[in-house]
All heavy atoms as atom14 arrays in JSON, in Angstrom:
{
  "sequence": "QVRLVESGGGLVQPGGSLRLSCAASGSIFSIYAMGWYRQAPGQQRELV",
  "atom14_mask": [
    [1, 1, 1, 1, 1, 1, 1, 1, 1, 0, 0, 0, 0, 0],
    [1, 1, 1, 1, 1, 1, 1, 0, 0, 0, 0, 0, 0, 0],
    [1, 1, 1, 1, 1, 1, 1, 1, 1, 1, 1, 0, 0, 0],
    [1, 1, 1, 1, 1, 1, 1, 1, 0, 0, 0, 0, 0, 0],
    [1, 1, 1, 1, 1, 1, 1, 0, 0, 0, 0, 0, 0, 0],
    [1, 1, 1, 1, 1, 1, 1, 1, 1, 0, 0, 0, 0, 0],
    [1, 1, 1, 1, 1, 1, 0, 0, 0, 0, 0, 0, 0, 0],
    [1, 1, 1, 1, 0, 0, 0, 0, 0, 0, 0, 0, 0, 0],
    [1, 1, 1, 1, 0, 0, 0, 0, 0, 0, 0, 0, 0, 0],
    [1, 1, 1, 1, 0, 0, 0, 0, 0, 0, 0, 0, 0, 0],
    [1, 1, 1, 1, 1, 1, 1, 1, 0, 0, 0, 0, 0, 0],
    [1, 1, 1, 1, 1, 1, 1, 0, 0, 0, 0, 0, 0, 0],
    [1, 1, 1, 1, 1, 1, 1, 1, 1, 0, 0, 0, 0, 0],
    [1, 1, 1, 1, 1, 1, 1, 0, 0, 0, 0, 0, 0, 0],
    [1, 1, 1, 1, 0, 0, 0, 0, 0, 0, 0, 0, 0, 0],
    [1, 1, 1, 1, 0, 0, 0, 0, 0, 0, 0, 0, 0, 0],
    [1, 1, 1, 1, 1, 1, 0, 0, 0, 0, 0, 0, 0, 0],
    [1, 1, 1, 1, 1, 1, 1, 1, 0, 0, 0, 0, 0, 0],
    [1, 1, 1, 1, 1, 1, 1, 1, 1, 1, 1, 0, 0, 0],
    [1, 1, 1, 1, 1, 1, 1, 1, 0, 0, 0, 0, 0, 0],
    [1, 1, 1, 1, 1, 1, 0, 0, 0, 0, 0, 0, 0, 0],
    [1, 1, 1, 1, 1, 1, 0, 0, 0, 0, 0, 0, 0, 0],
    [1, 1, 1, 1, 1, 0, 0, 0, 0, 0, 0, 0, 0, 0],
    [1, 1, 1, 1, 1, 0, 0, 0, 0, 0, 0, 0, 0, 0],
    [1, 1, 1, 1, 1, 1, 0, 0, 0, 0, 0, 0, 0, 0],
    [1, 1, 1, 1, 0, 0, 0, 0, 0, 0, 0, 0, 0, 0],
    [1, 1, 1, 1, 1, 1, 0, 0, 0, 0, 0, 0, 0, 0],
    [1, 1, 1, 1, 1, 1, 1, 1, 0, 0, 0, 0, 0, 0],
    [1, 1, 1, 1, 1, 1, 1, 1, 1, 1, 1, 0, 0, 0],
    [1, 1, 1, 1, 1, 1, 0, 0, 0, 0, 0, 0, 0, 0],
    [1, 1, 1, 1, 1, 1, 1, 1, 0, 0, 0, 0, 0, 0],
    [1, 1, 1, 1, 1, 1, 1, 1, 1, 1, 1, 1, 0, 0],
    [1, 1, 1, 1, 1, 0, 0, 0, 0, 0, 0, 0, 0, 0],
    [1, 1, 1, 1, 1, 1, 1, 1, 0, 0, 0, 0, 0, 0],
    [1, 1, 1, 1, 0, 0, 0, 0, 0, 0, 0, 0, 0, 0],
    [1, 1, 1, 1, 1, 1, 1, 1, 1, 1, 1, 1, 1, 1],
    [1, 1, 1, 1, 1, 1, 1, 1, 1, 1, 1, 1, 0, 0],
    [1, 1, 1, 1, 1, 1, 1, 1, 1, 1, 1, 0, 0, 0],
    [1, 1, 1, 1, 1, 1, 1, 1, 1, 0, 0, 0, 0, 0],
    [1, 1, 1, 1, 1, 0, 0, 0, 0, 0, 0, 0, 0, 0],
    [1, 1, 1, 1, 1, 1, 1, 0, 0, 0, 0, 0, 0, 0],
    [1, 1, 1, 1, 0, 0, 0, 0, 0, 0, 0, 0, 0, 0],
    [1, 1, 1, 1, 1, 1, 1, 1, 1, 0, 0, 0, 0, 0],
    [1, 1, 1, 1, 1, 1, 1, 1, 1, 0, 0, 0, 0, 0],
    [1, 1, 1, 1, 1, 1, 1, 1, 1, 1, 1, 0, 0, 0],
    [1, 1, 1, 1, 1, 1, 1, 1, 1, 0, 0, 0, 0, 0],
    [1, 1, 1, 1, 1, 1, 1, 1, 0, 0, 0, 0, 0, 0],
    [1, 1, 1, 1, 1, 1, 1, 0, 0, 0, 0, 0, 0, 0]
  ],
  "atom14_positions": [
    [[-6.03, -11.32, 14.12], [-5.55, -11.18, 12.75], [-5.91, -9.81, 12.2], [-7.01, -9.32, 12.46], [-6.16, -12.28, 11.87], [-5.6, -12.33, 10.45], [-6.13, -13.51, 9.68], [-6.89, -14.34, 10.2], [-5.75, -13.63, 8.43], [0.0, 0.0, 0.0], [0.0, 0.0, 0.0], [0.0, 0.0, 0.0], [0.0, 0.0, 0.0], [0.0, 0.0, 0.0]],
    [[-4.99, -9.21, 11.46], [-5.19, -7.9, 10.9], [-5.51, -8.05, 9.4], [-4.87, -8.83, 8.71], [-3.97, -7.01, 11.07], [-4.14, -5.69, 10.34], [-3.69, -6.76, 12.56], [0.0, 0.0, 0.0], [0.0, 0.0, 0.0], [0.0, 0.0, 0.0], [0.0, 0.0, 0.0], [0.0, 0.0, 0.0], [0.0, 0.0, 0.0], [0.0, 0.0, 0.0]],
    [[-6.5, -7.33, 8.93], [-6.84, -7.33, 7.52], [-6.55, -5.95, 6.96], [-7.01, -4.93, 7.51], [-8.3, -7.69, 7.32], [-8.71, -7.8, 5.86], [-10.18, -8.13, 5.74], [-10.56, -8.33, 4.34], [-11.77, -8.06, 3.84], [-12.71, -7.55, 4.63], [-12.03, -8.27, 2.57], [0.0, 0.0, 0.0], [0.0, 0.0, 0.0], [0.0, 0.0, 0.0]],
    [[-5.81, -5.92, 5.83], [-5.51, -4.67, 5.15], [-6.11, -4.73, 3.75], [-5.75, -5.62, 2.97], [-3.99, -4.45, 5.08], [-3.26, -4.38, 6.41], [-1.75, -4.26, 6.19], [-3.75, -3.2, 7.23], [0.0, 0.0, 0.0], [0.0, 0.0, 0.0], [0.0, 0.0, 0.0], [0.0, 0.0, 0.0], [0.0, 0.0, 0.0], [0.0, 0.0, 0.0]],
    [[-7.0, -3.81, 3.44], [-7.67, -3.79, 2.14], [-7.2, -2.59, 1.36], [-7.45, -1.45, 1.77], [-9.19, -3.77, 2.31], [-9.87, -3.72, 0.94], [-9.67, -4.99, 3.09], [0.0, 0.0, 0.0], [0.0, 0.0, 0.0], [0.0, 0.0, 0.0], [0.0, 0.0, 0.0], [0.0, 0.0, 0.0], [0.0, 0.0, 0.0], [0.0, 0.0, 0.0]],
    [[-6.51, -2.85, 0.25], [-5.93, -1.8, -0.58], [-6.83, -1.51, -1.77], [-7.52, -2.4, -2.26], [-4.54, -2.22, -1.08], [-3.56, -2.51, 0.03], [-2.63, -3.66, -0.3], [-3.08, -4.58, -1.01], [-1.49, -3.66, 0.15], [0.0, 0.0, 0.0], [0.0, 0.0, 0.0], [0.0, 0.0, 0.0], [0.0, 0.0, 0.0], [0.0, 0.0, 0.0]],
    [[-6.76, -0.28, -2.26], [-7.5, 0.09, -3.46], [-6.81, 1.28, -4.11], [-6.0, 1.96, -3.47], [-8.95, 0.45, -3.13], [-9.03, 1.55, -2.24], [0.0, 0.0, 0.0], [0.0, 0.0, 0.0], [0.0, 0.0, 0.0], [0.0, 0.0, 0.0], [0.0, 0.0, 0.0], [0.0, 0.0, 0.0], [0.0, 0.0, 0.0], [0.0, 0.0, 0.0]],
    [[-7.14, 1.51, -5.38], [-6.66, 2.7, -6.07], [-5.59, 2.49, -7.1], [-5.18, 3.43, -7.79], [0.0, 0.0, 0.0], [0.0, 0.0, 0.0], [0.0, 0.0, 0.0], [0.0, 0.0, 0.0], [0.0, 0.0, 0.0], [0.0, 0.0, 0.0], [0.0, 0.0, 0.0], [0.0, 0.0, 0.0], [0.0, 0.0, 0.0], [0.0, 0.0, 0.0]],
    [[-5.08, 1.27, -7.24], [-4.06, 1.03, -8.27], [-4.66, 1.05, -9.67], [-5.87, 1.16, -9.83], [0.0, 0.0, 0.0], [0.0, 0.0, 0.0], [0.0, 0.0, 0.0], [0.0, 0.0, 0.0], [0.0, 0.0, 0.0], [0.0, 0.0, 0.0], [0.0, 0.0, 0.0], [0.0, 0.0, 0.0], [0.0, 0.0, 0.0], [0.0, 0.0, 0.0]],
    [[-3.78, 0.97, -10.65], [-4.27, 0.94, -12.04], [-3.2, 1.36, -13.02], [-2.02, 1.41, -12.68], [0.0, 0.0, 0.0], [0.0, 0.0, 0.0], [0.0, 0.0, 0.0], [0.0, 0.0, 0.0], [0.0, 0.0, 0.0], [0.0, 0.0, 0.0], [0.0, 0.0, 0.0], [0.0, 0.0, 0.0], [0.0, 0.0, 0.0], [0.0, 0.0, 0.0]],
    [[-3.66, 1.65, -14.22], [-2.79, 2.07, -15.32], [-2.91, 3.58, -15.49], [-4.03, 4.12, -15.57], [-3.18, 1.36, -16.6], [-2.49, 1.8, -17.88], [-1.0, 1.51, -17.83], [-3.14, 1.11, -19.09], [0.0, 0.0, 0.0], [0.0, 0.0, 0.0], [0.0, 0.0, 0.0], [0.0, 0.0, 0.0], [0.0, 0.0, 0.0], [0.0, 0.0, 0.0]],
    [[-1.78, 4.25, -15.58], [-1.78, 5.7, -15.74], [-0.62, 6.09, -16.65], [0.4, 5.38, -16.71], [-1.65, 6.4, -14.37], [-0.33, 6.08, -13.71], [-1.88, 7.89, -14.48], [0.0, 0.0, 0.0], [0.0, 0.0, 0.0], [0.0, 0.0, 0.0], [0.0, 0.0, 0.0], [0.0, 0.0, 0.0], [0.0, 0.0, 0.0], [0.0, 0.0, 0.0]],
    [[-0.8, 7.17, -17.38], [0.25, 7.65, -18.27], [1.32, 8.38, -17.47], [1.05, 8.9, -16.38], [-0.34, 8.58, -19.32], [-1.25, 7.89, -20.31], [-1.68, 8.82, -21.45], [-1.58, 10.06, -21.33], [-2.18, 8.25, -22.52], [0.0, 0.0, 0.0], [0.0, 0.0, 0.0], [0.0, 0.0, 0.0], [0.0, 0.0, 0.0], [0.0, 0.0, 0.0]],
    [[2.54, 8.43, -17.98], [3.59, 9.22, -17.31], [3.13, 10.65, -17.08], [2.52, 11.26, -17.96], [4.75, 9.14, -18.3], [4.55, 7.85, -19.02], [3.05, 7.73, -19.18], [0.0, 0.0, 0.0], [0.0, 0.0, 0.0], [0.0, 0.0, 0.0], [0.0, 0.0, 0.0], [0.0, 0.0, 0.0], [0.0, 0.0, 0.0], [0.0, 0.0, 0.0]],
    [[3.43, 11.14, -15.89], [2.99, 12.46, -15.5], [1.65, 12.5, -14.81], [1.25, 13.54, -14.29], [0.0, 0.0, 0.0], [0.0, 0.0, 0.0], [0.0, 0.0, 0.0], [0.0, 0.0, 0.0], [0.0, 0.0, 0.0], [0.0, 0.0, 0.0], [0.0, 0.0, 0.0], [0.0, 0.0, 0.0], [0.0, 0.0, 0.0], [0.0, 0.0, 0.0]],
    [[0.95, 11.38, -14.82], [-0.35, 11.31, -14.21], [-0.32, 11.08, -12.71], [0.76, 11.07, -12.11], [0.0, 0.0, 0.0], [0.0, 0.0, 0.0], [0.0, 0.0, 0.0], [0.0, 0.0, 0.0], [0.0, 0.0, 0.0], [0.0, 0.0, 0.0], [0.0, 0.0, 0.0], [0.0, 0.0, 0.0], [0.0, 0.0, 0.0], [0.0, 0.0, 0.0]],
    [[-1.5, 10.93, -12.13], [-1.63, 10.77, -10.69], [-2.51, 9.58, -10.34], [-3.4, 9.23, -11.11], [-2.24, 12.04, -10.07], [-1.41, 13.16, -10.29], [0.0, 0.0, 0.0], [0.0, 0.0, 0.0], [0.0, 0.0, 0.0], [0.0, 0.0, 0.0], [0.0, 0.0, 0.0], [0.0, 0.0, 0.0], [0.0, 0.0, 0.0], [0.0, 0.0, 0.0]],
    [[-2.26, 9.02, -9.19], [-3.1, 7.98, -8.61], [-3.12, 8.18, -7.11], [-2.17, 8.73, -6.53], [-2.58, 6.58, -8.9], [-2.78, 5.98, -10.29], [-2.06, 4.65, -10.39], [-4.26, 5.8, -10.59], [0.0, 0.0, 0.0], [0.0, 0.0, 0.0], [0.0, 0.0, 0.0], [0.0, 0.0, 0.0], [0.0, 0.0, 0.0], [0.0, 0.0, 0.0]],
    [[-4.19, 7.72, -6.48], [-4.29, 7.75, -5.03], [-4.59, 6.36, -4.52], [-5.63, 5.77, -4.87], [-5.37, 8.72, -4.58], [-5.39, 8.95, -3.06], [-6.62, 9.72, -2.65], [-6.55, 10.21, -1.28], [-7.58, 10.33, -0.46], [-8.78, 9.98, -0.9], [-7.44, 10.83, 0.75], [0.0, 0.0, 0.0], [0.0, 0.0, 0.0], [0.0, 0.0, 0.0]],
    [[-3.7, 5.83, -3.69], [-3.88, 4.52, -3.09], [-4.5, 4.69, -1.68], [-4.19, 5.65, -0.98], [-2.57, 3.77, -2.96], [-1.76, 3.58, -4.24], [-0.51, 2.74, -3.94], [-2.58, 2.92, -5.32], [0.0, 0.0, 0.0], [0.0, 0.0, 0.0], [0.0, 0.0, 0.0], [0.0, 0.0, 0.0], [0.0, 0.0, 0.0], [0.0, 0.0, 0.0]],
    [[-5.36, 3.75, -1.33], [-5.95, 3.72, 0.01], [-5.74, 2.35, 0.61], [-5.71, 1.35, -0.1], [-7.44, 4.04, -0.06], [-7.69, 5.3, -0.6], [0.0, 0.0, 0.0], [0.0, 0.0, 0.0], [0.0, 0.0, 0.0], [0.0, 0.0, 0.0], [0.0, 0.0, 0.0], [0.0, 0.0, 0.0], [0.0, 0.0, 0.0], [0.0, 0.0, 0.0]],
    [[-5.64, 2.31, 1.92], [-5.51, 1.05, 2.65], [-6.25, 1.17, 3.96], [-5.89, 2.0, 4.82], [-4.04, 0.72, 2.9], [-3.79, -0.73, 3.97], [0.0, 0.0, 0.0], [0.0, 0.0, 0.0], [0.0, 0.0, 0.0], [0.0, 0.0, 0.0], [0.0, 0.0, 0.0], [0.0, 0.0, 0.0], [0.0, 0.0, 0.0], [0.0, 0.0, 0.0]],
    [[-7.26, 0.34, 4.13], [-8.05, 0.33, 5.35], [-7.7, -0.89, 6.18], [-7.71, -2.02, 5.68], [-9.54, 0.35, 5.03], [0.0, 0.0, 0.0], [0.0, 0.0, 0.0], [0.0, 0.0, 0.0], [0.0, 0.0, 0.0], [0.0, 0.0, 0.0], [0.0, 0.0, 0.0], [0.0, 0.0, 0.0], [0.0, 0.0, 0.0], [0.0, 0.0, 0.0]],
    [[-7.41, -0.68, 7.46], [-7.03, -1.76, 8.36], [-8.19, -2.09, 9.29], [-8.91, -1.22, 9.77], [-5.82, -1.35, 9.19], [0.0, 0.0, 0.0], [0.0, 0.0, 0.0], [0.0, 0.0, 0.0], [0.0, 0.0, 0.0], [0.0, 0.0, 0.0], [0.0, 0.0, 0.0], [0.0, 0.0, 0.0], [0.0, 0.0, 0.0], [0.0, 0.0, 0.0]],
    [[-8.34, -3.39, 9.55], [-9.35, -3.85, 10.5], [-8.87, -5.12, 11.19], [-7.86, -5.7, 10.78], [-10.69, -4.11, 9.78], [-10.54, -5.11, 8.81], [0.0, 0.0, 0.0], [0.0, 0.0, 0.0], [0.0, 0.0, 0.0], [0.0, 0.0, 0.0], [0.0, 0.0, 0.0], [0.0, 0.0, 0.0], [0.0, 0.0, 0.0], [0.0, 0.0, 0.0]],
    [[-9.58, -5.53, 12.22], [-9.21, -6.76, 12.92], [-8.5, -6.49, 14.23], [-8.82, -5.56, 14.95], [0.0, 0.0, 0.0], [0.0, 0.0, 0.0], [0.0, 0.0, 0.0], [0.0, 0.0, 0.0], [0.0, 0.0, 0.0], [0.0, 0.0, 0.0], [0.0, 0.0, 0.0], [0.0, 0.0, 0.0], [0.0, 0.0, 0.0], [0.0, 0.0, 0.0]],
    [[-7.47, -7.29, 14.51], [-6.76, -7.24, 15.8], [-5.76, -6.09, 15.83], [-4.55, -6.28, 15.77], [-6.08, -8.57, 16.05], [-7.0, -9.62, 16.03], [0.0, 0.0, 0.0], [0.0, 0.0, 0.0], [0.0, 0.0, 0.0], [0.0, 0.0, 0.0], [0.0, 0.0, 0.0], [0.0, 0.0, 0.0], [0.0, 0.0, 0.0], [0.0, 0.0, 0.0]],
    [[-6.31, -4.9, 15.95], [-5.47, -3.69, 15.98], [-5.49, -3.16, 17.4], [-6.55, -2.75, 17.89], [-5.97, -2.63, 14.99], [-5.92, -3.2, 13.57], [-5.11, -1.38, 15.1], [-6.59, -2.3, 12.56], [0.0, 0.0, 0.0], [0.0, 0.0, 0.0], [0.0, 0.0, 0.0], [0.0, 0.0, 0.0], [0.0, 0.0, 0.0], [0.0, 0.0, 0.0]],
    [[-4.37, -3.15, 18.05], [-4.29, -2.72, 19.44], [-3.56, -1.39, 19.59], [-4.02, -0.5, 20.27], [-3.62, -3.8, 20.27], [-4.31, -5.13, 20.18], [-3.79, -6.16, 19.4], [-5.5, -5.36, 20.86], [-4.45, -7.37, 19.31], [-6.15, -6.58, 20.79], [-5.63, -7.59, 20.0], [0.0, 0.0, 0.0], [0.0, 0.0, 0.0], [0.0, 0.0, 0.0]],
    [[-2.43, -1.28, 18.93], [-1.63, -0.07, 19.05], [-0.79, 0.07, 17.8], [0.24, -0.57, 17.68], [-0.74, -0.15, 20.3], [0.07, 0.99, 20.39], [0.0, 0.0, 0.0], [0.0, 0.0, 0.0], [0.0, 0.0, 0.0], [0.0, 0.0, 0.0], [0.0, 0.0, 0.0], [0.0, 0.0, 0.0], [0.0, 0.0, 0.0], [0.0, 0.0, 0.0]],
    [[-1.22, 0.94, 16.91], [-0.5, 1.12, 15.65], [0.7, 2.02, 15.89], [0.56, 3.14, 16.39], [-1.4, 1.71, 14.56], [-2.57, 0.76, 14.26], [-0.61, 1.99, 13.3], [-3.56, 1.3, 13.27], [0.0, 0.0, 0.0], [0.0, 0.0, 0.0], [0.0, 0.0, 0.0], [0.0, 0.0, 0.0], [0.0, 0.0, 0.0], [0.0, 0.0, 0.0]],
    [[1.86, 1.54, 15.5], [3.05, 2.37, 15.57], [3.22, 3.18, 14.29], [3.52, 4.37, 14.33], [4.28, 1.5, 15.81], [5.58, 2.26, 15.65], [5.98, 3.18, 16.6], [6.39, 2.05, 14.54], [7.16, 3.9, 16.46], [7.57, 2.74, 14.4], [7.96, 3.66, 15.35], [9.12, 4.36, 15.19], [0.0, 0.0, 0.0], [0.0, 0.0, 0.0]],
    [[3.0, 2.53, 13.17], [3.13, 3.21, 11.88], [2.37, 2.46, 10.81], [2.11, 1.25, 10.93], [4.6, 3.33, 11.5], [0.0, 0.0, 0.0], [0.0, 0.0, 0.0], [0.0, 0.0, 0.0], [0.0, 0.0, 0.0], [0.0, 0.0, 0.0], [0.0, 0.0, 0.0], [0.0, 0.0, 0.0], [0.0, 0.0, 0.0], [0.0, 0.0, 0.0]],
    [[2.01, 3.17, 9.77], [1.45, 2.57, 8.57], [2.2, 3.12, 7.38], [2.7, 4.25, 7.42], [-0.05, 2.86, 8.43], [-0.9, 2.23, 9.51], [-2.68, 2.48, 9.25], [-2.98, 1.38, 7.85], [0.0, 0.0, 0.0], [0.0, 0.0, 0.0], [0.0, 0.0, 0.0], [0.0, 0.0, 0.0], [0.0, 0.0, 0.0], [0.0, 0.0, 0.0]],
    [[2.26, 2.33, 6.32], [2.99, 2.81, 5.16], [2.8, 1.99, 3.93], [1.95, 1.1, 3.88], [0.0, 0.0, 0.0], [0.0, 0.0, 0.0], [0.0, 0.0, 0.0], [0.0, 0.0, 0.0], [0.0, 0.0, 0.0], [0.0, 0.0, 0.0], [0.0, 0.0, 0.0], [0.0, 0.0, 0.0], [0.0, 0.0, 0.0], [0.0, 0.0, 0.0]],
    [[3.6, 2.32, 2.94], [3.55, 1.66, 1.65], [4.94, 1.23, 1.22], [5.92, 1.99, 1.37], [2.97, 2.62, 0.59], [1.56, 2.98, 0.82], [1.08, 4.04, 1.54], [0.41, 2.26, 0.36], [-0.29, 4.03, 1.54], [-0.72, 2.95, 0.83], [0.21, 1.12, -0.42], [-2.03, 2.51, 0.54], [-1.07, 0.71, -0.68], [-2.17, 1.4, -0.2]],
    [[5.01, 0.01, 0.72], [6.21, -0.52, 0.11], [5.85, -0.89, -1.32], [4.68, -1.01, -1.67], [6.71, -1.78, 0.85], [7.27, -1.5, 2.23], [6.45, -1.11, 3.28], [8.61, -1.66, 2.49], [6.96, -0.87, 4.55], [9.16, -1.42, 3.75], [8.32, -1.03, 4.77], [8.83, -0.79, 6.02], [0.0, 0.0, 0.0], [0.0, 0.0, 0.0]],
    [[6.86, -1.09, -2.15], [6.6, -1.53, -3.52], [7.66, -2.52, -3.97], [8.78, -2.53, -3.46], [6.55, -0.34, -4.48], [7.88, 0.38, -4.7], [7.67, 1.63, -5.55], [8.94, 2.33, -5.78], [9.02, 3.51, -6.37], [7.92, 4.13, -6.81], [10.18, 4.09, -6.55], [0.0, 0.0, 0.0], [0.0, 0.0, 0.0], [0.0, 0.0, 0.0]],
    [[7.24, -3.34, -4.93], [8.16, -4.34, -5.47], [7.96, -4.42, -6.97], [6.87, -4.76, -7.44], [7.93, -5.7, -4.82], [8.96, -6.73, -5.22], [8.9, -7.97, -4.33], [7.91, -8.24, -3.65], [9.97, -8.75, -4.34], [0.0, 0.0, 0.0], [0.0, 0.0, 0.0], [0.0, 0.0, 0.0], [0.0, 0.0, 0.0], [0.0, 0.0, 0.0]],
    [[9.0, -4.1, -7.7], [8.99, -4.21, -9.17], [9.5, -5.59, -9.54], [10.24, -6.23, -8.77], [9.85, -3.11, -9.78], [0.0, 0.0, 0.0], [0.0, 0.0, 0.0], [0.0, 0.0, 0.0], [0.0, 0.0, 0.0], [0.0, 0.0, 0.0], [0.0, 0.0, 0.0], [0.0, 0.0, 0.0], [0.0, 0.0, 0.0], [0.0, 0.0, 0.0]],
    [[9.2, -6.07, -10.72], [9.65, -7.39, -11.15], [11.17, -7.52, -11.07], [11.9, -6.65, -11.55], [9.16, -7.5, -12.59], [7.98, -6.59, -12.64], [8.31, -5.46, -11.72], [0.0, 0.0, 0.0], [0.0, 0.0, 0.0], [0.0, 0.0, 0.0], [0.0, 0.0, 0.0], [0.0, 0.0, 0.0], [0.0, 0.0, 0.0], [0.0, 0.0, 0.0]],
    [[11.63, -8.58, -10.43], [13.06, -8.84, -10.33], [13.77, -8.0, -9.31], [15.01, -8.07, -9.22], [0.0, 0.0, 0.0], [0.0, 0.0, 0.0], [0.0, 0.0, 0.0], [0.0, 0.0, 0.0], [0.0, 0.0, 0.0], [0.0, 0.0, 0.0], [0.0, 0.0, 0.0], [0.0, 0.0, 0.0], [0.0, 0.0, 0.0], [0.0, 0.0, 0.0]],
    [[13.04, -7.2, -8.54], [13.67, -6.35, -7.55], [13.14, -6.66, -6.16], [12.1, -7.29, -5.99], [13.43, -4.87, -7.9], [14.02, -4.43, -9.23], [13.92, -2.96, -9.48], [13.73, -2.17, -8.53], [14.05, -2.55, -10.71], [0.0, 0.0, 0.0], [0.0, 0.0, 0.0], [0.0, 0.0, 0.0], [0.0, 0.0, 0.0], [0.0, 0.0, 0.0]],
    [[13.89, -6.21, -5.15], [13.48, -6.38, -3.78], [12.38, -5.38, -3.41], [12.28, -4.3, -3.99], [14.67, -6.21, -2.84], [15.71, -7.31, -2.94], [16.79, -7.18, -1.89], [17.06, -6.1, -1.4], [17.39, -8.29, -1.53], [0.0, 0.0, 0.0], [0.0, 0.0, 0.0], [0.0, 0.0, 0.0], [0.0, 0.0, 0.0], [0.0, 0.0, 0.0]],
    [[11.59, -5.75, -2.43], [10.57, -4.85, -1.92], [11.28, -3.68, -1.22], [12.24, -3.88, -0.47], [9.67, -5.58, -0.93], [8.43, -4.79, -0.55], [7.47, -5.64, 0.28], [6.97, -6.79, -0.47], [6.01, -7.6, -0.01], [5.47, -7.38, 1.18], [5.6, -8.62, -0.73], [0.0, 0.0, 0.0], [0.0, 0.0, 0.0], [0.0, 0.0, 0.0]],
    [[10.8, -2.47, -1.48], [11.42, -1.29, -0.91], [10.37, -0.37, -0.29], [9.22, -0.34, -0.71], [12.18, -0.51, -2.0], [11.29, 0.05, -3.11], [12.05, 0.92, -4.09], [13.28, 1.11, -3.92], [11.42, 1.42, -5.03], [0.0, 0.0, 0.0], [0.0, 0.0, 0.0], [0.0, 0.0, 0.0], [0.0, 0.0, 0.0], [0.0, 0.0, 0.0]],
    [[10.82, 0.38, 0.7], [9.94, 1.34, 1.35], [9.67, 2.49, 0.39], [10.58, 3.03, -0.24], [10.61, 1.88, 2.6], [9.89, 3.03, 3.29], [8.58, 2.57, 3.91], [10.78, 3.68, 4.35], [0.0, 0.0, 0.0], [0.0, 0.0, 0.0], [0.0, 0.0, 0.0], [0.0, 0.0, 0.0], [0.0, 0.0, 0.0], [0.0, 0.0, 0.0]],
    [[8.4, 2.87, 0.31], [8.0, 4.06, -0.45], [7.76, 5.22, 0.5], [8.34, 6.29, 0.35], [6.73, 3.79, -1.27], [6.3, 5.07, -2.01], [6.97, 2.65, -2.26], [0.0, 0.0, 0.0], [0.0, 0.0, 0.0], [0.0, 0.0, 0.0], [0.0, 0.0, 0.0], [0.0, 0.0, 0.0], [0.0, 0.0, 0.0], [0.0, 0.0, 0.0]]
  ]
}
Protein backbone atom coordinates (compact mmCIF):
# COMPACT_ATOMS: atom_id res chain seq x y z
CA GLN A 1 0.00 0.00 0.00
CA VAL A 2 1.22 3.48 -0.87
CA ARG A 3 0.71 6.42 1.47
CA LEU A 4 0.73 9.98 0.15
CA VAL A 5 0.87 12.78 2.72
CA GLU A 6 0.05 16.24 1.40
CA SER A 7 0.69 19.59 3.05
CA GLY A 8 0.79 23.29 2.25
CA GLY A 9 -2.78 24.15 1.33
CA GLY A 10 -4.66 27.07 2.80
CA LEU A 11 -6.26 30.43 2.21
CA VAL A 12 -4.42 33.03 0.16
CA GLN A 13 -5.31 36.33 -1.46
CA PRO A 14 -5.35 36.70 -5.25
CA GLY A 15 -1.84 37.20 -6.52
CA GLY A 16 -0.36 35.31 -3.61
CA SER A 17 1.68 32.12 -3.50
CA LEU A 18 1.49 28.70 -1.90
CA ARG A 19 3.73 25.66 -1.99
CA LEU A 20 2.24 22.17 -1.82
CA SER A 21 4.26 19.13 -0.78
CA CYS A 22 3.49 15.43 -1.08
CA ALA A 23 5.62 12.72 0.48
CA ALA A 24 5.17 9.12 -0.66
CA SER A 25 5.92 6.03 1.41
CA GLY A 26 5.02 2.36 1.52
CA SER A 27 4.95 -0.09 -1.40
CA ILE A 28 6.91 1.99 -3.87
CA PHE A 29 8.78 -0.09 -6.41
CA SER A 30 9.16 1.96 -9.55
CA ILE A 31 7.71 5.44 -9.82
CA TYR A 32 6.81 6.45 -13.34
CA ALA A 33 5.49 9.89 -12.48
CA MET A 34 4.17 12.04 -9.67
CA GLY A 35 1.85 14.96 -9.96
CA TRP A 36 -1.02 17.09 -8.84
CA TYR A 37 -4.67 17.12 -9.85
CA ARG A 38 -7.40 19.40 -8.61
CA GLN A 39 -11.15 19.32 -8.30
CA ALA A 40 -13.36 22.37 -7.82
CA PRO A 41 -16.94 22.04 -6.58
CA GLY A 42 -19.21 20.70 -9.29
CA GLN A 43 -16.34 20.04 -11.66
CA GLN A 44 -14.35 17.02 -12.74
CA ARG A 45 -10.89 16.33 -11.41
CA GLU A 46 -8.28 17.74 -13.76
CA LEU A 47 -4.55 17.46 -14.19
CA VAL A 48 -2.59 20.43 -12.88
